[in-house]
Amino acid sequence: AKKFQLSLTELSLLWCRQRRLPTSLLIGHTSMQQLEESIRIFQKSSLLSPECLWEIDRVHMRNRLPIFASTRVGKDWAGKGEIGE
């Protein structure tokens, strides 16, 4: 999120908005400030850049199941190994 100058909230909500599979989004707030941030994010028409989406996919591919994180990923992912489980 920091690399793309986004808050974690903004990154996660925009990511969910851009994906086809999430059909609903559960959000919870413990303060008015958090609620107002979410509302501002949903009012924007901006989307995550392709570069940002690629970075999220890279992290996901390396940590699909964090307890069983694979180090066998292709050079495109982090410079060593191969894709496949």
Protein backbone atom coordinates (compact mmCIF):
# COMPACT_ATOMS: atom_id res chain seq x y z
CA ALA A 1 0.00 0.00 0.00
CA LYS A 2 2.79 2.40 0.91
CA LYS A 3 4.54 1.83 -2.43
CA PHE A 4 1.42 3.08 -4.23
CA GLN A 5 0.64 5.81 -1.69
CA LEU A 6 -2.57 4.14 -0.50
CA SER A 7 -3.89 3.33 2.95
CA LEU A 8 -4.48 -0.35 3.67
CA THR A 9 -8.20 0.38 3.72
CA GLU A 10 -8.07 2.04 0.31
CA LEU A 11 -5.99 -0.77 -1.18
CA SER A 12 -8.28 -3.50 0.11
CA LEU A 13 -11.57 -1.82 -0.79
CA LEU A 14 -10.41 -0.86 -4.28
CA TRP A 15 -9.07 -4.37 -4.83
CA CYS A 16 -12.44 -5.86 -3.86
CA ARG A 17 -14.23 -3.41 -6.16
CA GLN A 18 -12.10 -4.43 -9.14
CA ARG A 19 -12.44 -8.18 -8.75
CA ARG A 20 -15.26 -10.15 -10.35
CA LEU A 21 -15.62 -12.79 -7.65
CA PRO A 22 -16.47 -10.85 -4.47
CA THR A 23 -20.22 -10.36 -4.62
CA SER A 24 -20.45 -8.57 -1.30
CA LEU A 25 -18.10 -6.81 1.03
CA LEU A 26 -18.30 -6.82 4.79
CA ILE A 27 -16.80 -3.78 6.41
CA GLY A 28 -16.69 -2.87 10.07
CA HIS A 29 -15.80 0.41 11.65
CA THR A 30 -14.90 1.33 15.19
CA SER A 31 -14.87 5.08 14.59
CA MET A 32 -16.52 7.74 12.45
CA GLN A 33 -13.10 8.44 10.90
CA GLN A 34 -12.93 4.87 9.56
CA LEU A 35 -16.47 5.06 8.20
CA GLU A 36 -15.75 8.40 6.51
CA GLU A 37 -12.58 6.97 4.91
CA SER A 38 -14.53 4.03 3.48
CA ILE A 39 -17.25 6.31 2.14
CA ARG A 40 -14.63 8.54 0.45
CA ILE A 41 -13.05 5.49 -1.17
CA PHE A 42 -16.37 4.23 -2.54
CA GLN A 43 -17.22 7.69 -3.88
CA LYS A 44 -14.02 7.80 -5.95
CA SER A 45 -14.03 6.50 -9.47
CA SER A 46 -10.34 5.63 -9.37
CA LEU A 47 -9.07 2.09 -9.71
CA LEU A 48 -5.85 0.37 -8.77
CA SER A 49 -3.18 0.55 -11.45
CA PRO A 50 -2.17 -2.60 -13.34
CA GLU A 51 1.23 -2.36 -11.60
CA CYS A 52 -0.43 -2.36 -8.18
CA LEU A 53 -2.65 -5.32 -9.10
CA TRP A 54 0.44 -7.19 -10.31
CA GLU A 55 2.21 -6.58 -7.00
CA ILE A 56 -0.82 -7.87 -5.09
CA ASP A 57 -0.90 -10.98 -7.32
CA ARG A 58 2.82 -11.55 -6.70
CA VAL A 59 2.30 -11.51 -2.93
CA HIS A 60 -0.70 -13.79 -3.27
CA MET A 61 1.15 -16.30 -5.44
CA ARG A 62 3.97 -16.51 -2.91
CA ASN A 63 1.61 -16.80 0.07
CA ARG A 64 -1.54 -18.57 -1.07
CA LEU A 65 -1.63 -20.54 2.15
CA PRO A 66 0.86 -18.76 4.41
CA ILE A 67 1.42 -21.82 6.58
CA PHE A 68 2.49 -23.73 3.46
CA ALA A 69 4.06 -20.81 1.55
CA SER A 70 5.84 -22.07 -1.52
CA THR A 71 9.31 -20.87 -2.40
CA ARG A 72 8.97 -22.48 -5.84
CA VAL A 73 7.89 -19.51 -7.92
CA GLY A 74 9.04 -18.29 -11.31
CA LYS A 75 11.59 -15.57 -12.02
CA ASP A 76 8.74 -13.15 -12.68
CA TRP A 77 7.64 -13.59 -9.09
CA ALA A 78 10.89 -13.06 -7.15
CA GLY A 79 13.86 -14.25 -9.12
CA LYS A 80 14.08 -17.98 -8.38
CA GLY A 81 12.34 -21.30 -8.63
CA GLU A 82 9.31 -22.25 -10.68
CA ILE A 83 5.55 -21.84 -10.54
CA GLY A 84 3.67 -24.95 -9.57
CA GLU A 85 2.36 -26.82 -6.59
